Amino acid sequence: MFSQAEVQPSRGRLIVDCKDAPDSAADLRDPRCLAAVLGHLERAFGIENVVLSHYVERQYGRAAMNVLRRILAVLSLLDQLGTRPPAPNFPSLSRKEVASKCRTCPFHPKTLFDGLRSRAMQGFSELHATLTSSTEKLYAYREPGCTACVNATTSDLIYLFRSVSDFGDDALVPDASEEGSE
């Protein structure tokens, strides 16, 4: 539905074709539209505004782009956190058994942070709910041999929480260059 997009590099513009979408979906507040726009922005550079091309075009300028860039930064952080290898300590198990145990762990960095990323693409309320739930479950997780990995994941989640909190705080403060321009 939002897969067709055109980049106009000379104008710093991304035009997303939304003609197949219902009227209500051709809006960045719609999770499917937001996810599609973020996907296009991840592959494009130098974009200064986004146009959703429906029967009526909707253009998003500097303020929206600042928010979209911050969302992309959080998504990039989630990708980065997901690359950390697990740190198991099971001396009585073979490497194959340890790998199998880690692969099925809900707190394996790739599993956890990929899940959080997919929730973030659906909206920050989804990310918040999943982050809260994951943190509560991780706090209660007491698997022997997983202490180092749990500690590293806890540190990663604290860092992520602070990054997302900073993003939320910044989003609430108006950009001085845009005050009075609307």
N, C-alpha and C. Protein backbone atom coordinates (compact mmCIF):
# COMPACT_ATOMS: atom_id res chain seq x y z
N MET A 1 0.82 -1.19 0.00
CA MET A 1 0.00 0.00 0.00
C MET A 1 0.87 1.26 0.00
N PHE A 2 1.99 1.27 0.72
CA PHE A 2 2.88 2.43 0.77
C PHE A 2 4.25 2.11 0.17
N SER A 3 4.31 1.09 -0.66
CA SER A 3 5.61 0.61 -1.13
C SER A 3 6.22 1.47 -2.24
N GLN A 4 5.41 2.24 -2.94
CA GLN A 4 5.92 3.08 -4.02
C GLN A 4 6.32 4.45 -3.47
N ALA A 5 7.56 4.82 -3.73
CA ALA A 5 8.03 6.13 -3.28
C ALA A 5 9.02 6.67 -4.28
N GLU A 6 9.09 7.98 -4.33
CA GLU A 6 10.02 8.66 -5.22
C GLU A 6 10.84 9.64 -4.40
N VAL A 7 12.13 9.61 -4.61
CA VAL A 7 13.01 10.57 -3.95
C VAL A 7 13.35 11.65 -4.97
N GLN A 8 13.16 12.89 -4.57
CA GLN A 8 13.55 14.03 -5.40
C GLN A 8 14.76 14.67 -4.71
N PRO A 9 15.97 14.21 -5.05
CA PRO A 9 17.16 14.67 -4.35
C PRO A 9 17.37 16.18 -4.44
N SER A 10 17.07 16.76 -5.57
CA SER A 10 17.31 18.19 -5.74
C SER A 10 16.42 19.03 -4.82
N ARG A 11 15.30 18.47 -4.43
CA ARG A 11 14.37 19.18 -3.54
C ARG A 11 14.39 18.62 -2.13
N GLY A 12 15.19 17.56 -1.91
CA GLY A 12 15.25 16.94 -0.58
C GLY A 12 13.90 16.40 -0.15
N ARG A 13 13.21 15.80 -1.09
CA ARG A 13 11.83 15.39 -0.84
C ARG A 13 11.64 13.90 -1.10
N LEU A 14 10.86 13.29 -0.23
CA LEU A 14 10.42 11.91 -0.40
C LEU A 14 8.92 11.97 -0.63
N ILE A 15 8.48 11.44 -1.76
CA ILE A 15 7.05 11.40 -2.07
C ILE A 15 6.61 9.94 -1.99
N VAL A 16 5.67 9.67 -1.10
CA VAL A 16 5.17 8.31 -0.90
C VAL A 16 3.78 8.22 -1.52
N ASP A 17 3.60 7.25 -2.41
CA ASP A 17 2.32 7.04 -3.08
C ASP A 17 1.37 6.33 -2.11
N CYS A 18 0.30 7.03 -1.73
CA CYS A 18 -0.68 6.49 -0.79
C CYS A 18 -2.06 6.34 -1.43
N LYS A 19 -2.11 6.40 -2.74
CA LYS A 19 -3.41 6.39 -3.41
C LYS A 19 -4.22 5.11 -3.16
N ASP A 20 -3.53 4.00 -2.89
CA ASP A 20 -4.24 2.75 -2.62
C ASP A 20 -4.68 2.62 -1.16
N ALA A 21 -4.26 3.56 -0.34
CA ALA A 21 -4.58 3.51 1.09
C ALA A 21 -5.92 4.20 1.36
N PRO A 22 -6.61 3.75 2.38
CA PRO A 22 -7.81 4.50 2.80
C PRO A 22 -7.41 5.91 3.23
N ASP A 23 -8.36 6.84 3.17
CA ASP A 23 -8.06 8.23 3.54
C ASP A 23 -7.40 8.34 4.91
N SER A 24 -7.90 7.61 5.88
CA SER A 24 -7.39 7.72 7.25
C SER A 24 -5.98 7.16 7.39
N ALA A 25 -5.56 6.30 6.48
CA ALA A 25 -4.24 5.68 6.58
C ALA A 25 -3.14 6.53 5.96
N ALA A 26 -3.49 7.52 5.16
CA ALA A 26 -2.49 8.37 4.51
C ALA A 26 -2.10 9.50 5.46
N ASP A 27 -1.52 9.10 6.59
CA ASP A 27 -1.18 10.03 7.67
C ASP A 27 -0.08 9.39 8.50
N LEU A 28 0.90 10.15 8.91
CA LEU A 28 2.00 9.59 9.72
C LEU A 28 1.53 9.07 11.07
N ARG A 29 0.33 9.43 11.49
CA ARG A 29 -0.20 8.88 12.74
C ARG A 29 -0.67 7.44 12.58
N ASP A 30 -0.82 7.01 11.34
CA ASP A 30 -1.21 5.62 11.07
C ASP A 30 0.05 4.75 11.15
N PRO A 31 0.05 3.70 11.99
CA PRO A 31 1.26 2.88 12.15
C PRO A 31 1.79 2.28 10.85
N ARG A 32 0.92 1.87 9.94
CA ARG A 32 1.39 1.29 8.67
C ARG A 32 2.06 2.35 7.81
N CYS A 33 1.49 3.52 7.79
CA CYS A 33 2.08 4.62 7.01
C CYS A 33 3.42 5.02 7.62
N LEU A 34 3.45 5.18 8.94
CA LEU A 34 4.69 5.56 9.62
C LEU A 34 5.78 4.54 9.36
N ALA A 35 5.45 3.25 9.49
CA ALA A 35 6.44 2.20 9.25
C ALA A 35 6.97 2.25 7.82
N ALA A 36 6.08 2.48 6.86
CA ALA A 36 6.51 2.55 5.46
C ALA A 36 7.42 3.76 5.22
N VAL A 37 7.04 4.91 5.76
CA VAL A 37 7.85 6.12 5.58
C VAL A 37 9.22 5.93 6.22
N LEU A 38 9.24 5.37 7.43
CA LEU A 38 10.53 5.12 8.09
C LEU A 38 11.39 4.17 7.26
N GLY A 39 10.78 3.15 6.70
CA GLY A 39 11.52 2.22 5.83
C GLY A 39 12.12 2.92 4.63
N HIS A 40 11.35 3.82 4.02
CA HIS A 40 11.88 4.58 2.87
C HIS A 40 13.00 5.52 3.32
N LEU A 41 12.82 6.16 4.47
CA LEU A 41 13.83 7.10 4.96
C LEU A 41 15.13 6.39 5.34
N GLU A 42 15.03 5.15 5.78
CA GLU A 42 16.24 4.39 6.12
C GLU A 42 17.13 4.18 4.90
N ARG A 43 16.53 4.18 3.73
CA ARG A 43 17.28 3.93 2.50
C ARG A 43 17.60 5.20 1.72
N ALA A 44 17.14 6.34 2.21
CA ALA A 44 17.34 7.60 1.48
C ALA A 44 18.17 8.57 2.32
N PHE A 45 18.85 9.48 1.66
CA PHE A 45 19.68 10.47 2.33
C PHE A 45 19.30 11.87 1.87
N GLY A 46 19.47 12.83 2.73
CA GLY A 46 19.24 14.22 2.37
C GLY A 46 17.79 14.61 2.26
N ILE A 47 16.92 13.85 2.87
CA ILE A 47 15.49 14.16 2.80
C ILE A 47 15.16 15.25 3.83
N GLU A 48 14.51 16.31 3.37
CA GLU A 48 14.14 17.43 4.24
C GLU A 48 12.63 17.51 4.46
N ASN A 49 11.85 16.84 3.60
CA ASN A 49 10.41 16.79 3.82
C ASN A 49 9.83 15.55 3.16
N VAL A 50 8.68 15.17 3.68
CA VAL A 50 7.98 13.99 3.19
C VAL A 50 6.61 14.44 2.70
N VAL A 51 6.23 13.92 1.54
CA VAL A 51 4.91 14.19 1.00
C VAL A 51 4.18 12.86 0.88
N LEU A 52 3.00 12.81 1.48
CA LEU A 52 2.14 11.64 1.32
C LEU A 52 1.16 11.99 0.21
N SER A 53 1.31 11.31 -0.91
CA SER A 53 0.51 11.62 -2.09
C SER A 53 -0.73 10.73 -2.12
N HIS A 54 -1.84 11.34 -1.78
CA HIS A 54 -3.15 10.69 -1.80
C HIS A 54 -3.99 11.56 -2.71
N TYR A 55 -5.27 11.58 -2.55
CA TYR A 55 -6.09 12.47 -3.37
C TYR A 55 -5.78 13.93 -3.04
N VAL A 56 -5.43 14.14 -1.79
CA VAL A 56 -4.92 15.43 -1.34
C VAL A 56 -3.53 15.14 -0.80
N GLU A 57 -2.55 15.92 -1.22
CA GLU A 57 -1.19 15.67 -0.73
C GLU A 57 -1.00 16.30 0.64
N ARG A 58 -0.30 15.56 1.48
CA ARG A 58 0.01 16.04 2.83
C ARG A 58 1.53 16.13 2.92
N GLN A 59 2.02 17.32 3.24
CA GLN A 59 3.47 17.52 3.32
C GLN A 59 3.88 17.70 4.78
N TYR A 60 4.98 17.03 5.12
CA TYR A 60 5.55 17.14 6.46
C TYR A 60 6.92 17.79 6.32
N GLY A 61 7.14 18.86 7.07
CA GLY A 61 8.37 19.63 6.96
C GLY A 61 9.33 19.39 8.10
N ARG A 62 10.01 20.46 8.51
CA ARG A 62 11.12 20.38 9.44
C ARG A 62 10.77 19.74 10.79
N ALA A 63 9.69 20.14 11.39
CA ALA A 63 9.34 19.60 12.71
C ALA A 63 9.11 18.09 12.63
N ALA A 64 8.33 17.67 11.64
CA ALA A 64 8.07 16.23 11.49
C ALA A 64 9.35 15.48 11.15
N MET A 65 10.18 16.08 10.31
CA MET A 65 11.44 15.42 9.94
C MET A 65 12.36 15.26 11.15
N ASN A 66 12.37 16.24 12.05
CA ASN A 66 13.17 16.11 13.27
C ASN A 66 12.70 14.92 14.09
N VAL A 67 11.39 14.76 14.21
CA VAL A 67 10.85 13.62 14.95
C VAL A 67 11.17 12.32 14.23
N LEU A 68 11.00 12.30 12.92
CA LEU A 68 11.29 11.08 12.15
C LEU A 68 12.77 10.70 12.26
N ARG A 69 13.65 11.69 12.23
CA ARG A 69 15.09 11.40 12.40
C ARG A 69 15.38 10.82 13.77
N ARG A 70 14.72 11.33 14.78
CA ARG A 70 14.93 10.80 16.14
C ARG A 70 14.41 9.36 16.24
N ILE A 71 13.28 9.09 15.59
CA ILE A 71 12.76 7.72 15.57
C ILE A 71 13.76 6.81 14.86
N LEU A 72 14.30 7.27 13.74
CA LEU A 72 15.30 6.48 13.02
C LEU A 72 16.54 6.24 13.89
N ALA A 73 16.92 7.21 14.70
CA ALA A 73 18.07 7.04 15.60
C ALA A 73 17.78 5.97 16.63
N VAL A 74 16.56 5.93 17.16
CA VAL A 74 16.18 4.88 18.12
C VAL A 74 16.18 3.52 17.43
N LEU A 75 15.66 3.47 16.21
CA LEU A 75 15.66 2.20 15.46
C LEU A 75 17.09 1.73 15.20
N SER A 76 17.97 2.65 14.87
CA SER A 76 19.38 2.30 14.65
C SER A 76 20.02 1.79 15.95
N LEU A 77 19.70 2.43 17.05
CA LEU A 77 20.21 1.97 18.35
C LEU A 77 19.72 0.55 18.64
N LEU A 78 18.46 0.27 18.36
CA LEU A 78 17.93 -1.08 18.58
C LEU A 78 18.67 -2.09 17.70
N ASP A 79 18.95 -1.72 16.46
CA ASP A 79 19.72 -2.60 15.58
C ASP A 79 21.10 -2.87 16.18
N GLN A 80 21.74 -1.82 16.66
CA GLN A 80 23.08 -1.95 17.24
C GLN A 80 23.06 -2.82 18.49
N LEU A 81 22.10 -2.60 19.37
CA LEU A 81 22.02 -3.39 20.60
C LEU A 81 21.77 -4.87 20.30
N GLY A 82 21.06 -5.14 19.22
CA GLY A 82 20.77 -6.52 18.83
C GLY A 82 21.97 -7.28 18.31
N THR A 83 23.07 -6.60 18.05
CA THR A 83 24.25 -7.29 17.53
C THR A 83 25.17 -7.83 18.63
N ARG A 84 24.91 -7.45 19.89
CA ARG A 84 25.77 -7.93 20.98
C ARG A 84 25.60 -9.44 21.13
N PRO A 85 26.70 -10.18 21.15
CA PRO A 85 26.57 -11.63 21.34
C PRO A 85 26.20 -11.93 22.79
N PRO A 86 25.48 -13.01 23.02
CA PRO A 86 25.15 -13.38 24.40
C PRO A 86 26.43 -13.76 25.15
N ALA A 87 26.34 -13.74 26.48
CA ALA A 87 27.52 -14.04 27.31
C ALA A 87 27.19 -15.14 28.32
N PRO A 88 26.90 -16.34 27.83
CA PRO A 88 26.52 -17.42 28.74
C PRO A 88 27.72 -17.98 29.51
N ASN A 89 27.43 -18.56 30.65
CA ASN A 89 28.46 -19.23 31.44
C ASN A 89 27.89 -20.56 31.96
N PHE A 90 27.95 -21.56 31.12
CA PHE A 90 27.49 -22.90 31.45
C PHE A 90 28.65 -23.87 31.25
N PRO A 91 29.57 -23.94 32.20
CA PRO A 91 30.76 -24.77 32.01
C PRO A 91 30.47 -26.27 31.85
N SER A 92 29.33 -26.73 32.38
CA SER A 92 29.03 -28.16 32.28
C SER A 92 28.34 -28.55 30.98
N LEU A 93 27.99 -27.57 30.15
CA LEU A 93 27.31 -27.86 28.89
C LEU A 93 28.28 -27.72 27.72
N SER A 94 28.00 -28.47 26.66
CA SER A 94 28.80 -28.36 25.45
C SER A 94 28.46 -27.05 24.73
N ARG A 95 29.33 -26.64 23.81
CA ARG A 95 29.07 -25.42 23.04
C ARG A 95 27.74 -25.49 22.31
N LYS A 96 27.43 -26.68 21.77
CA LYS A 96 26.19 -26.86 21.03
C LYS A 96 24.99 -26.70 21.95
N GLU A 97 25.07 -27.24 23.16
CA GLU A 97 23.98 -27.11 24.13
C GLU A 97 23.81 -25.65 24.57
N VAL A 98 24.93 -24.98 24.77
CA VAL A 98 24.88 -23.56 25.16
C VAL A 98 24.25 -22.74 24.03
N ALA A 99 24.67 -22.99 22.81
CA ALA A 99 24.12 -22.27 21.66
C ALA A 99 22.62 -22.50 21.54
N SER A 100 22.18 -23.72 21.76
CA SER A 100 20.76 -24.06 21.70
C SER A 100 19.99 -23.32 22.80
N LYS A 101 20.55 -23.30 23.99
CA LYS A 101 19.93 -22.61 25.12
C LYS A 101 19.79 -21.11 24.83
N CYS A 102 20.86 -20.52 24.31
CA CYS A 102 20.85 -19.08 24.00
C CYS A 102 19.86 -18.76 22.87
N ARG A 103 19.81 -19.62 21.88
CA ARG A 103 18.94 -19.40 20.72
C ARG A 103 17.48 -19.30 21.13
N THR A 104 17.07 -20.06 22.16
CA THR A 104 15.67 -20.07 22.57
C THR A 104 15.36 -19.07 23.68
N CYS A 105 16.38 -18.36 24.15
CA CYS A 105 16.20 -17.41 25.24
C CYS A 105 15.44 -16.16 24.74
N PRO A 106 14.39 -15.76 25.44
CA PRO A 106 13.66 -14.56 25.02
C PRO A 106 14.48 -13.28 25.22
N PHE A 107 15.58 -13.37 25.98
CA PHE A 107 16.41 -12.20 26.23
C PHE A 107 17.70 -12.21 25.41
N HIS A 108 17.79 -13.12 24.45
CA HIS A 108 18.92 -13.10 23.52
C HIS A 108 18.88 -11.72 22.87
N PRO A 109 20.01 -11.00 22.83
CA PRO A 109 19.97 -9.63 22.32
C PRO A 109 19.28 -9.47 20.96
N LYS A 110 19.56 -10.34 20.02
CA LYS A 110 18.94 -10.21 18.69
C LYS A 110 17.42 -10.37 18.80
N THR A 111 16.98 -11.37 19.53
CA THR A 111 15.54 -11.62 19.69
C THR A 111 14.86 -10.45 20.38
N LEU A 112 15.42 -10.03 21.50
CA LEU A 112 14.81 -8.97 22.30
C LEU A 112 14.77 -7.65 21.54
N PHE A 113 15.90 -7.23 21.00
CA PHE A 113 15.96 -5.90 20.38
C PHE A 113 15.30 -5.87 19.01
N ASP A 114 15.29 -6.99 18.29
CA ASP A 114 14.51 -7.04 17.04
C ASP A 114 13.01 -6.92 17.35
N GLY A 115 12.58 -7.57 18.44
CA GLY A 115 11.18 -7.47 18.86
C GLY A 115 10.81 -6.04 19.24
N LEU A 116 11.69 -5.40 19.99
CA LEU A 116 11.45 -4.01 20.38
C LEU A 116 11.43 -3.09 19.14
N ARG A 117 12.30 -3.39 18.18
CA ARG A 117 12.33 -2.59 16.95
C ARG A 117 11.02 -2.72 16.18
N SER A 118 10.52 -3.94 16.08
CA SER A 118 9.26 -4.12 15.34
C SER A 118 8.11 -3.41 16.06
N ARG A 119 8.15 -3.38 17.38
CA ARG A 119 7.13 -2.64 18.13
C ARG A 119 7.27 -1.14 17.92
N ALA A 120 8.51 -0.65 17.88
CA ALA A 120 8.74 0.78 17.66
C ALA A 120 8.21 1.21 16.30
N MET A 121 8.30 0.32 15.32
CA MET A 121 7.79 0.63 13.98
C MET A 121 6.26 0.75 13.99
N GLN A 122 5.62 0.13 14.98
CA GLN A 122 4.16 0.21 15.09
C GLN A 122 3.73 1.44 15.88
N GLY A 123 4.67 2.06 16.57
CA GLY A 123 4.35 3.26 17.34
C GLY A 123 5.05 3.20 18.69
N PHE A 124 5.30 4.36 19.24
CA PHE A 124 6.05 4.39 20.48
C PHE A 124 5.26 3.89 21.68
N SER A 125 3.94 3.89 21.62
CA SER A 125 3.17 3.30 22.72
C SER A 125 3.38 1.79 22.74
N GLU A 126 3.49 1.20 21.57
CA GLU A 126 3.80 -0.24 21.47
C GLU A 126 5.20 -0.53 22.01
N LEU A 127 6.17 0.32 21.65
CA LEU A 127 7.53 0.16 22.16
C LEU A 127 7.54 0.27 23.68
N HIS A 128 6.86 1.26 24.20
CA HIS A 128 6.83 1.47 25.65
C HIS A 128 6.24 0.26 26.37
N ALA A 129 5.14 -0.26 25.87
CA ALA A 129 4.49 -1.42 26.50
C ALA A 129 5.42 -2.63 26.48
N THR A 130 6.05 -2.89 25.35
CA THR A 130 6.94 -4.04 25.23
C THR A 130 8.21 -3.85 26.05
N LEU A 131 8.73 -2.64 26.06
CA LEU A 131 9.92 -2.34 26.87
C LEU A 131 9.63 -2.54 28.35
N THR A 132 8.49 -2.08 28.80
CA THR A 132 8.09 -2.25 30.20
C THR A 132 7.94 -3.73 30.53
N SER A 133 7.23 -4.46 29.70
CA SER A 133 7.02 -5.89 29.93
C SER A 133 8.34 -6.66 29.92
N SER A 134 9.20 -6.36 28.96
CA SER A 134 10.49 -7.05 28.86
C SER A 134 11.36 -6.77 30.07
N THR A 135 11.34 -5.53 30.54
CA THR A 135 12.14 -5.15 31.69
C THR A 135 11.67 -5.89 32.94
N GLU A 136 10.36 -5.99 33.11
CA GLU A 136 9.80 -6.70 34.27
C GLU A 136 10.16 -8.19 34.21
N LYS A 137 10.06 -8.78 33.05
CA LYS A 137 10.40 -10.20 32.91
C LYS A 137 11.90 -10.44 33.12
N LEU A 138 12.73 -9.54 32.60
CA LEU A 138 14.17 -9.67 32.76
C LEU A 138 14.56 -9.55 34.23
N TYR A 139 13.91 -8.66 34.96
CA TYR A 139 14.19 -8.46 36.38
C TYR A 139 13.92 -9.76 37.16
N ALA A 140 12.91 -10.50 36.74
CA ALA A 140 12.55 -11.74 37.44
C ALA A 140 13.32 -12.96 36.93
N TYR A 141 14.09 -12.82 35.88
CA TYR A 141 14.80 -13.94 35.24
C TYR A 141 15.99 -14.34 36.09
N ARG A 142 16.04 -15.59 36.50
CA ARG A 142 17.09 -16.07 37.40
C ARG A 142 17.76 -17.34 36.91
N GLU A 143 18.00 -17.46 35.62
CA GLU A 143 18.64 -18.65 35.07
C GLU A 143 20.12 -18.66 35.46
N PRO A 144 20.58 -19.70 36.16
CA PRO A 144 22.01 -19.75 36.47
C PRO A 144 22.82 -19.85 35.17
N GLY A 145 23.92 -19.16 35.15
CA GLY A 145 24.76 -19.17 33.96
C GLY A 145 24.47 -18.01 33.03
N CYS A 146 23.42 -17.26 33.32
CA CYS A 146 23.03 -16.14 32.45
C CYS A 146 23.31 -14.78 33.09
N THR A 147 23.95 -14.75 34.24
CA THR A 147 24.13 -13.51 34.98
C THR A 147 24.81 -12.42 34.16
N ALA A 148 25.92 -12.73 33.52
CA ALA A 148 26.65 -11.72 32.74
C ALA A 148 25.79 -11.19 31.59
N CYS A 149 25.10 -12.07 30.93
CA CYS A 149 24.25 -11.66 29.80
C CYS A 149 23.07 -10.83 30.30
N VAL A 150 22.44 -11.25 31.38
CA VAL A 150 21.32 -10.50 31.95
C VAL A 150 21.79 -9.11 32.38
N ASN A 151 22.96 -9.03 33.00
CA ASN A 151 23.49 -7.72 33.41
C ASN A 151 23.76 -6.82 32.20
N ALA A 152 24.33 -7.39 31.14
CA ALA A 152 24.59 -6.61 29.93
C ALA A 152 23.27 -6.15 29.29
N THR A 153 22.30 -7.04 29.25
CA THR A 153 21.00 -6.69 28.67
C THR A 153 20.30 -5.64 29.52
N THR A 154 20.43 -5.74 30.84
CA THR A 154 19.85 -4.73 31.72
C THR A 154 20.48 -3.36 31.44
N SER A 155 21.79 -3.33 31.29
CA SER A 155 22.47 -2.07 30.96
C SER A 155 22.00 -1.53 29.61
N ASP A 156 21.85 -2.42 28.64
CA ASP A 156 21.36 -2.01 27.32
C ASP A 156 19.96 -1.41 27.41
N LEU A 157 19.09 -2.05 28.21
CA LEU A 157 17.72 -1.56 28.35
C LEU A 157 17.69 -0.21 29.07
N ILE A 158 18.56 -0.02 30.05
CA ILE A 158 18.64 1.27 30.74
C ILE A 158 19.08 2.35 29.75
N TYR A 159 20.10 2.05 28.95
CA TYR A 159 20.58 3.00 27.95
C TYR A 159 19.47 3.32 26.94
N LEU A 160 18.77 2.28 26.49
CA LEU A 160 17.66 2.47 25.55
C LEU A 160 16.57 3.33 26.18
N PHE A 161 16.22 3.03 27.42
CA PHE A 161 15.19 3.80 28.11
C PHE A 161 15.57 5.27 28.19
N ARG A 162 16.82 5.53 28.55
CA ARG A 162 17.28 6.92 28.63
C ARG A 162 17.24 7.61 27.27
N SER A 163 17.63 6.88 26.23
CA SER A 163 17.60 7.45 24.87
C SER A 163 16.17 7.78 24.45
N VAL A 164 15.26 6.88 24.74
CA VAL A 164 13.86 7.10 24.37
C VAL A 164 13.27 8.22 25.23
N SER A 165 13.64 8.28 26.50
CA SER A 165 13.15 9.35 27.37
C SER A 165 13.66 10.70 26.89
N ASP A 166 14.94 10.78 26.51
CA ASP A 166 15.49 12.02 25.98
C ASP A 166 14.74 12.44 24.72
N PHE A 167 14.44 11.46 23.87
CA PHE A 167 13.70 11.73 22.65
C PHE A 167 12.33 12.31 23.00
N GLY A 168 11.65 11.70 23.97
CA GLY A 168 10.33 12.20 24.38
C GLY A 168 10.41 13.60 24.95
N ASP A 169 11.42 13.85 25.80
CA ASP A 169 11.60 15.19 26.36
C ASP A 169 11.85 16.21 25.26
N ASP A 170 12.72 15.87 24.31
CA ASP A 170 13.04 16.79 23.22
C ASP A 170 11.82 17.05 22.33
N ALA A 171 10.99 16.04 22.16
CA ALA A 171 9.82 16.19 21.29
C ALA A 171 8.80 17.15 21.90
N LEU A 172 8.83 17.29 23.22
CA LEU A 172 7.88 18.17 23.89
C LEU A 172 8.33 19.63 23.92
N VAL A 173 9.61 19.86 23.66
CA VAL A 173 10.15 21.21 23.64
C VAL A 173 10.11 21.73 22.22
N PRO A 174 9.38 22.85 21.99
CA PRO A 174 9.29 23.34 20.62
C PRO A 174 10.64 23.85 20.12
N ASP A 175 10.86 23.68 18.84
CA ASP A 175 12.07 24.17 18.18
C ASP A 175 11.93 25.69 18.08
N ALA A 176 12.91 26.40 18.63
CA ALA A 176 12.85 27.87 18.66
C ALA A 176 12.71 28.46 17.28
N SER A 177 13.28 27.84 16.27
CA SER A 177 13.20 28.37 14.91
C SER A 177 11.81 28.21 14.31
N GLU A 178 10.98 27.36 14.92
CA GLU A 178 9.64 27.14 14.37
C GLU A 178 8.56 27.83 15.19
N GLU A 179 8.89 28.37 16.36
CA GLU A 179 7.89 29.04 17.18
C GLU A 179 7.36 30.25 16.43
N GLY A 180 6.08 30.40 16.43
CA GLY A 180 5.46 31.54 15.79
C GLY A 180 5.34 31.42 14.28
N SER A 181 5.84 30.32 13.70
CA SER A 181 5.79 30.20 12.24
C SER A 181 4.52 29.52 11.76
N GLU A 182 3.72 29.07 12.70
CA GLU A 182 2.52 28.36 12.26
C GLU A 182 1.28 29.18 12.42
